[in-house]
């Protein structure tokens, strides 16, 4: 994926995110957390833990902590990618600014008297 594609994708995501209301984001976050809790409960039950036991609660806690750590790592990775993209954009901008325009062609003109005035020839 090229730099332009990545930039376009980032801008599109930013614009789409701006369209969401805070209530919509909060509702999505709550729904995602509820779904994650259901998955944790399924995992603990599949390990053989019985609902309501200390072991079941500890299993849920451990899975929750693992998920939080995983999300923290993912967020750190996302931030690192954003910073790398920003550095790349700054470097690209600096490279564009350092490019000198091609030199203007040199024009030479000669003006000579021709009897009724002057004649100018440029080359």
N, C-alpha and C. Protein backbone atom coordinates (compact mmCIF):
# COMPACT_ATOMS: atom_id res chain seq x y z
N UNK A 1 0.86 -1.16 0.00
CA UNK A 1 0.00 0.00 0.00
C UNK A 1 0.90 1.23 0.00
N UNK A 2 0.63 2.16 -0.90
CA UNK A 2 1.47 3.33 -1.02
C UNK A 2 1.17 4.36 0.05
N UNK A 3 2.07 5.33 0.14
CA UNK A 3 1.93 6.39 1.14
C UNK A 3 0.64 7.17 0.94
N UNK A 4 0.30 7.43 -0.34
CA UNK A 4 -0.93 8.17 -0.61
C UNK A 4 -2.15 7.38 -0.14
N UNK A 5 -2.13 6.07 -0.36
CA UNK A 5 -3.25 5.23 0.06
C UNK A 5 -3.39 5.23 1.58
N UNK A 6 -2.26 5.14 2.28
CA UNK A 6 -2.29 5.14 3.74
C UNK A 6 -2.82 6.47 4.25
N UNK A 7 -2.34 7.56 3.66
CA UNK A 7 -2.80 8.88 4.07
C UNK A 7 -4.30 9.03 3.83
N UNK A 8 -4.76 8.58 2.67
CA UNK A 8 -6.18 8.66 2.35
C UNK A 8 -7.00 7.83 3.33
N UNK A 9 -6.50 6.64 3.66
CA UNK A 9 -7.19 5.78 4.63
C UNK A 9 -7.26 6.45 6.00
N UNK A 10 -6.15 7.04 6.44
CA UNK A 10 -6.12 7.70 7.75
C UNK A 10 -7.10 8.87 7.78
N UNK A 11 -7.11 9.67 6.71
CA UNK A 11 -8.02 10.81 6.67
C UNK A 11 -9.47 10.35 6.64
N UNK A 12 -9.76 9.29 5.89
CA UNK A 12 -11.12 8.76 5.82
C UNK A 12 -11.58 8.29 7.19
N UNK A 13 -10.70 7.56 7.89
CA UNK A 13 -11.05 7.08 9.23
C UNK A 13 -11.32 8.24 10.17
N UNK A 14 -10.49 9.26 10.09
CA UNK A 14 -10.67 10.42 10.96
C UNK A 14 -12.00 11.11 10.68
N UNK A 15 -12.34 11.25 9.41
CA UNK A 15 -13.60 11.89 9.06
C UNK A 15 -14.80 11.05 9.49
N UNK A 16 -14.71 9.74 9.29
CA UNK A 16 -15.81 8.87 9.69
C UNK A 16 -15.98 8.84 11.20
N UNK A 17 -14.88 8.83 11.93
CA UNK A 17 -14.94 8.83 13.39
C UNK A 17 -15.58 10.12 13.89
N UNK A 18 -15.29 11.22 13.23
CA UNK A 18 -15.85 12.50 13.64
C UNK A 18 -17.36 12.53 13.49
N UNK A 19 -17.91 11.69 12.62
CA UNK A 19 -19.35 11.66 12.41
C UNK A 19 -20.09 10.95 13.54
N UNK A 20 -19.41 10.11 14.29
CA UNK A 20 -20.05 9.41 15.39
C UNK A 20 -20.28 10.35 16.57
N UNK A 21 -21.40 10.17 17.22
CA UNK A 21 -21.64 10.96 18.42
C UNK A 21 -21.00 10.25 19.61
N UNK A 22 -20.84 10.99 20.69
CA UNK A 22 -20.28 10.39 21.90
C UNK A 22 -21.17 9.27 22.42
N UNK A 23 -22.48 9.44 22.28
CA UNK A 23 -23.40 8.40 22.74
C UNK A 23 -23.22 7.13 21.92
N UNK A 24 -23.04 7.28 20.61
CA UNK A 24 -22.85 6.10 19.75
C UNK A 24 -21.56 5.38 20.12
N UNK A 25 -20.50 6.14 20.35
CA UNK A 25 -19.23 5.52 20.73
C UNK A 25 -19.35 4.82 22.08
N UNK A 26 -20.03 5.45 23.03
CA UNK A 26 -20.21 4.84 24.35
C UNK A 26 -21.04 3.57 24.24
N UNK A 27 -22.08 3.60 23.41
CA UNK A 27 -22.92 2.41 23.23
C UNK A 27 -22.13 1.28 22.58
N UNK A 28 -21.31 1.63 21.58
CA UNK A 28 -20.48 0.61 20.93
C UNK A 28 -19.47 0.02 21.90
N UNK A 29 -18.88 0.87 22.73
CA UNK A 29 -17.90 0.39 23.70
C UNK A 29 -18.56 -0.54 24.72
N UNK A 30 -19.75 -0.15 25.19
CA UNK A 30 -20.47 -0.98 26.16
C UNK A 30 -20.86 -2.33 25.54
N UNK A 31 -21.31 -2.31 24.30
CA UNK A 31 -21.68 -3.55 23.62
C UNK A 31 -20.46 -4.45 23.42
N UNK A 32 -19.33 -3.84 23.07
CA UNK A 32 -18.10 -4.62 22.87
C UNK A 32 -17.64 -5.23 24.19
N UNK A 33 -17.72 -4.49 25.28
CA UNK A 33 -17.32 -5.01 26.59
C UNK A 33 -18.25 -6.13 27.03
N UNK A 34 -19.53 -5.97 26.76
CA UNK A 34 -20.49 -7.02 27.12
C UNK A 34 -20.20 -8.30 26.32
N UNK A 35 -19.92 -8.15 25.03
CA UNK A 35 -19.59 -9.31 24.20
C UNK A 35 -18.30 -9.97 24.68
N UNK A 36 -17.32 -9.16 25.07
CA UNK A 36 -16.06 -9.71 25.58
C UNK A 36 -16.29 -10.47 26.88
N UNK A 37 -17.17 -9.95 27.74
CA UNK A 37 -17.47 -10.64 29.00
C UNK A 37 -18.13 -11.99 28.72
N UNK A 38 -19.04 -12.03 27.77
CA UNK A 38 -19.70 -13.29 27.40
C UNK A 38 -18.65 -14.29 26.92
N UNK A 39 -17.70 -13.82 26.11
CA UNK A 39 -16.63 -14.70 25.61
C UNK A 39 -15.75 -15.21 26.75
N UNK A 40 -15.43 -14.33 27.70
CA UNK A 40 -14.62 -14.75 28.84
C UNK A 40 -15.37 -15.81 29.65
N UNK A 41 -16.66 -15.60 29.84
CA UNK A 41 -17.47 -16.58 30.58
C UNK A 41 -17.49 -17.93 29.86
N UNK A 42 -17.61 -17.90 28.54
CA UNK A 42 -17.59 -19.14 27.76
C UNK A 42 -16.25 -19.86 27.92
N UNK A 43 -15.16 -19.08 27.85
CA UNK A 43 -13.84 -19.68 27.99
C UNK A 43 -13.68 -20.34 29.36
N UNK A 44 -14.06 -19.62 30.40
CA UNK A 44 -13.90 -20.18 31.75
C UNK A 44 -14.76 -21.42 31.93
N UNK A 45 -15.97 -21.40 31.38
CA UNK A 45 -16.84 -22.59 31.46
C UNK A 45 -16.22 -23.74 30.68
N UNK A 46 -15.60 -23.42 29.52
CA UNK A 46 -14.99 -24.49 28.72
C UNK A 46 -13.77 -25.08 29.42
N UNK A 47 -13.17 -24.33 30.34
CA UNK A 47 -12.04 -24.85 31.12
C UNK A 47 -12.53 -25.74 32.27
N UNK A 48 -13.84 -25.78 32.48
CA UNK A 48 -14.40 -26.63 33.52
C UNK A 48 -14.73 -25.91 34.81
N UNK A 49 -14.56 -24.60 34.86
CA UNK A 49 -14.88 -23.86 36.08
C UNK A 49 -16.39 -23.67 36.19
N UNK A 50 -16.89 -23.77 37.40
CA UNK A 50 -18.32 -23.62 37.66
C UNK A 50 -18.62 -22.17 38.04
N UNK A 51 -19.68 -21.65 37.44
CA UNK A 51 -20.11 -20.27 37.72
C UNK A 51 -20.37 -20.11 39.22
N UNK A 52 -19.89 -18.98 39.77
CA UNK A 52 -20.10 -18.69 41.18
C UNK A 52 -18.98 -19.17 42.09
N UNK A 53 -18.02 -19.93 41.56
CA UNK A 53 -16.92 -20.41 42.39
C UNK A 53 -15.77 -19.41 42.36
N UNK A 54 -14.91 -19.43 43.37
CA UNK A 54 -13.75 -18.54 43.38
C UNK A 54 -12.84 -18.79 42.16
N UNK A 55 -12.72 -20.04 41.74
CA UNK A 55 -11.88 -20.37 40.59
C UNK A 55 -12.43 -19.74 39.31
N UNK A 56 -13.75 -19.77 39.17
CA UNK A 56 -14.41 -19.17 38.00
C UNK A 56 -14.16 -17.67 37.99
N UNK A 57 -14.31 -17.04 39.14
CA UNK A 57 -14.06 -15.59 39.25
C UNK A 57 -12.61 -15.26 38.93
N UNK A 58 -11.69 -16.09 39.43
CA UNK A 58 -10.26 -15.86 39.16
C UNK A 58 -9.98 -16.03 37.67
N UNK A 59 -10.62 -17.02 37.05
CA UNK A 59 -10.46 -17.22 35.61
C UNK A 59 -10.93 -15.99 34.84
N UNK A 60 -12.10 -15.48 35.20
CA UNK A 60 -12.62 -14.26 34.55
C UNK A 60 -11.66 -13.09 34.73
N UNK A 61 -11.15 -12.96 35.94
CA UNK A 61 -10.22 -11.86 36.23
C UNK A 61 -8.95 -11.99 35.38
N UNK A 62 -8.40 -13.20 35.33
CA UNK A 62 -7.18 -13.41 34.54
C UNK A 62 -7.40 -13.12 33.06
N UNK A 63 -8.52 -13.59 32.53
CA UNK A 63 -8.82 -13.32 31.11
C UNK A 63 -9.03 -11.83 30.87
N UNK A 64 -9.67 -11.15 31.82
CA UNK A 64 -9.88 -9.70 31.69
C UNK A 64 -8.53 -8.98 31.67
N UNK A 65 -7.65 -9.34 32.59
CA UNK A 65 -6.33 -8.71 32.66
C UNK A 65 -5.55 -8.96 31.38
N UNK A 66 -5.60 -10.20 30.88
CA UNK A 66 -4.91 -10.51 29.63
C UNK A 66 -5.46 -9.66 28.48
N UNK A 67 -6.77 -9.52 28.44
CA UNK A 67 -7.38 -8.72 27.39
C UNK A 67 -6.95 -7.25 27.50
N UNK A 68 -6.93 -6.72 28.71
CA UNK A 68 -6.51 -5.34 28.91
C UNK A 68 -5.05 -5.14 28.48
N UNK A 69 -4.20 -6.10 28.82
CA UNK A 69 -2.79 -6.01 28.42
C UNK A 69 -2.66 -6.07 26.90
N UNK A 70 -3.43 -6.97 26.29
CA UNK A 70 -3.40 -7.09 24.83
C UNK A 70 -3.86 -5.78 24.18
N UNK A 71 -4.93 -5.20 24.69
CA UNK A 71 -5.42 -3.94 24.15
C UNK A 71 -4.41 -2.81 24.34
N UNK A 72 -3.71 -2.81 25.47
CA UNK A 72 -2.69 -1.78 25.71
C UNK A 72 -1.55 -1.92 24.71
N UNK A 73 -1.14 -3.15 24.44
CA UNK A 73 -0.08 -3.39 23.45
C UNK A 73 -0.55 -2.96 22.07
N UNK A 74 -1.78 -3.32 21.72
CA UNK A 74 -2.33 -2.93 20.42
C UNK A 74 -2.40 -1.41 20.28
N UNK A 75 -2.81 -0.73 21.33
CA UNK A 75 -2.88 0.74 21.29
C UNK A 75 -1.49 1.34 21.16
N UNK A 76 -0.51 0.78 21.87
CA UNK A 76 0.87 1.27 21.76
C UNK A 76 1.38 1.06 20.34
N UNK A 77 1.07 -0.08 19.75
CA UNK A 77 1.47 -0.35 18.37
C UNK A 77 0.79 0.62 17.41
N UNK A 78 -0.48 0.90 17.64
CA UNK A 78 -1.21 1.83 16.78
C UNK A 78 -0.59 3.23 16.87
N UNK A 79 -0.27 3.64 18.10
CA UNK A 79 0.35 4.95 18.28
C UNK A 79 1.71 5.01 17.59
N UNK A 80 2.48 3.92 17.69
CA UNK A 80 3.79 3.87 17.04
C UNK A 80 3.64 3.97 15.53
N UNK A 81 2.62 3.30 14.98
CA UNK A 81 2.39 3.38 13.53
C UNK A 81 2.00 4.79 13.12
N UNK A 82 1.15 5.43 13.93
CA UNK A 82 0.75 6.81 13.62
C UNK A 82 1.95 7.76 13.68
N UNK A 83 2.80 7.58 14.69
CA UNK A 83 3.99 8.42 14.80
C UNK A 83 4.93 8.18 13.63
N UNK A 84 5.09 6.92 13.23
CA UNK A 84 5.95 6.61 12.09
C UNK A 84 5.39 7.24 10.82
N UNK A 85 4.08 7.18 10.65
CA UNK A 85 3.45 7.79 9.48
C UNK A 85 3.64 9.31 9.50
N UNK A 86 3.50 9.91 10.68
CA UNK A 86 3.69 11.36 10.80
C UNK A 86 5.13 11.75 10.48
N UNK A 87 6.09 10.95 10.99
CA UNK A 87 7.50 11.22 10.67
C UNK A 87 7.74 11.09 9.17
N UNK A 88 7.14 10.08 8.57
CA UNK A 88 7.28 9.89 7.12
C UNK A 88 6.73 11.07 6.35
N UNK A 89 5.58 11.59 6.80
CA UNK A 89 4.98 12.74 6.13
C UNK A 89 5.88 13.97 6.29
N UNK A 90 6.44 14.15 7.49
CA UNK A 90 7.34 15.29 7.71
C UNK A 90 8.58 15.16 6.83
N UNK A 91 9.12 13.96 6.74
CA UNK A 91 10.31 13.74 5.92
C UNK A 91 9.99 13.96 4.44
N UNK A 92 8.82 13.51 4.02
CA UNK A 92 8.42 13.72 2.63
C UNK A 92 8.26 15.21 2.34
N UNK A 93 7.65 15.94 3.28
CA UNK A 93 7.50 17.38 3.11
C UNK A 93 8.85 18.08 3.05
N UNK A 94 9.77 17.67 3.93
CA UNK A 94 11.11 18.27 3.92
C UNK A 94 11.82 17.96 2.61
N UNK A 95 11.65 16.74 2.12
CA UNK A 95 12.29 16.36 0.86
C UNK A 95 11.73 17.19 -0.29
N UNK A 96 10.42 17.41 -0.28
CA UNK A 96 9.82 18.22 -1.34
C UNK A 96 10.31 19.66 -1.27
N UNK A 97 10.47 20.18 -0.06
CA UNK A 97 10.94 21.56 0.07
C UNK A 97 12.39 21.71 -0.35
N UNK A 98 13.17 20.64 -0.22
CA UNK A 98 14.59 20.74 -0.57
C UNK A 98 14.84 20.60 -2.06
N UNK A 99 13.82 20.21 -2.80
CA UNK A 99 14.00 20.06 -4.25
C UNK A 99 14.02 21.45 -4.87
N UNK A 100 15.08 21.75 -5.59
CA UNK A 100 15.20 23.05 -6.26
C UNK A 100 14.51 22.98 -7.61
N UNK A 101 13.84 24.05 -7.98
CA UNK A 101 13.23 24.05 -9.31
C UNK A 101 14.33 24.07 -10.37
N UNK A 102 14.06 23.59 -11.55
CA UNK A 102 15.09 23.60 -12.59
C UNK A 102 15.49 25.04 -12.90
N UNK A 103 16.75 25.23 -13.26
CA UNK A 103 17.19 26.61 -13.55
C UNK A 103 16.46 27.16 -14.76
N UNK A 104 16.21 28.46 -14.71
CA UNK A 104 15.56 29.12 -15.84
C UNK A 104 16.54 29.18 -17.00
N UNK A 105 16.05 28.96 -18.21
CA UNK A 105 16.97 29.04 -19.35
C UNK A 105 17.48 30.47 -19.51
N UNK A 106 18.72 30.57 -19.91
CA UNK A 106 19.34 31.88 -20.11
C UNK A 106 18.92 32.42 -21.48
N UNK A 107 18.51 33.67 -21.49
CA UNK A 107 18.09 34.31 -22.74
C UNK A 107 19.08 35.45 -23.02
N UNK A 108 19.62 35.44 -24.22
CA UNK A 108 20.54 36.50 -24.65
C UNK A 108 19.85 37.32 -25.74
N UNK A 109 19.96 38.62 -25.62
CA UNK A 109 19.35 39.50 -26.61
C UNK A 109 20.42 40.46 -27.16
N UNK A 110 20.32 40.70 -28.43
CA UNK A 110 21.20 41.68 -29.10
C UNK A 110 20.32 42.75 -29.74
N UNK A 111 20.65 43.98 -29.47
CA UNK A 111 19.93 45.09 -30.09
C UNK A 111 20.90 45.81 -31.02
N UNK A 112 20.47 45.95 -32.26
CA UNK A 112 21.33 46.56 -33.28
C UNK A 112 20.55 47.68 -33.99
N UNK A 113 21.26 48.79 -34.27
CA UNK A 113 20.59 49.84 -35.05
C UNK A 113 20.38 49.35 -36.48
N UNK A 114 19.26 49.68 -37.08
CA UNK A 114 19.01 49.24 -38.46
C UNK A 114 18.66 50.39 -39.39
N UNK A 115 18.91 51.57 -39.04
CA UNK A 115 18.70 52.72 -39.91
C UNK A 115 17.42 53.47 -39.59
N UNK A 116 16.34 52.79 -39.28
CA UNK A 116 15.08 53.47 -38.94
C UNK A 116 14.74 53.29 -37.46
N UNK A 117 15.63 52.68 -36.72
CA UNK A 117 15.42 52.41 -35.30
C UNK A 117 16.40 51.33 -34.87
N UNK A 118 15.88 50.41 -34.11
CA UNK A 118 16.72 49.31 -33.66
C UNK A 118 15.99 47.99 -33.88
N UNK A 119 16.75 46.95 -33.92
CA UNK A 119 16.21 45.60 -34.06
C UNK A 119 16.79 44.75 -32.93
N UNK A 120 15.92 44.06 -32.20
CA UNK A 120 16.37 43.22 -31.10
C UNK A 120 16.12 41.77 -31.45
N UNK A 121 17.15 40.97 -31.29
CA UNK A 121 17.05 39.53 -31.53
C UNK A 121 17.43 38.82 -30.24
N UNK A 122 16.56 37.91 -29.81
CA UNK A 122 16.83 37.15 -28.58
C UNK A 122 16.96 35.67 -28.93
N UNK A 123 17.86 35.00 -28.24
CA UNK A 123 18.04 33.55 -28.43
C UNK A 123 18.42 32.91 -27.13
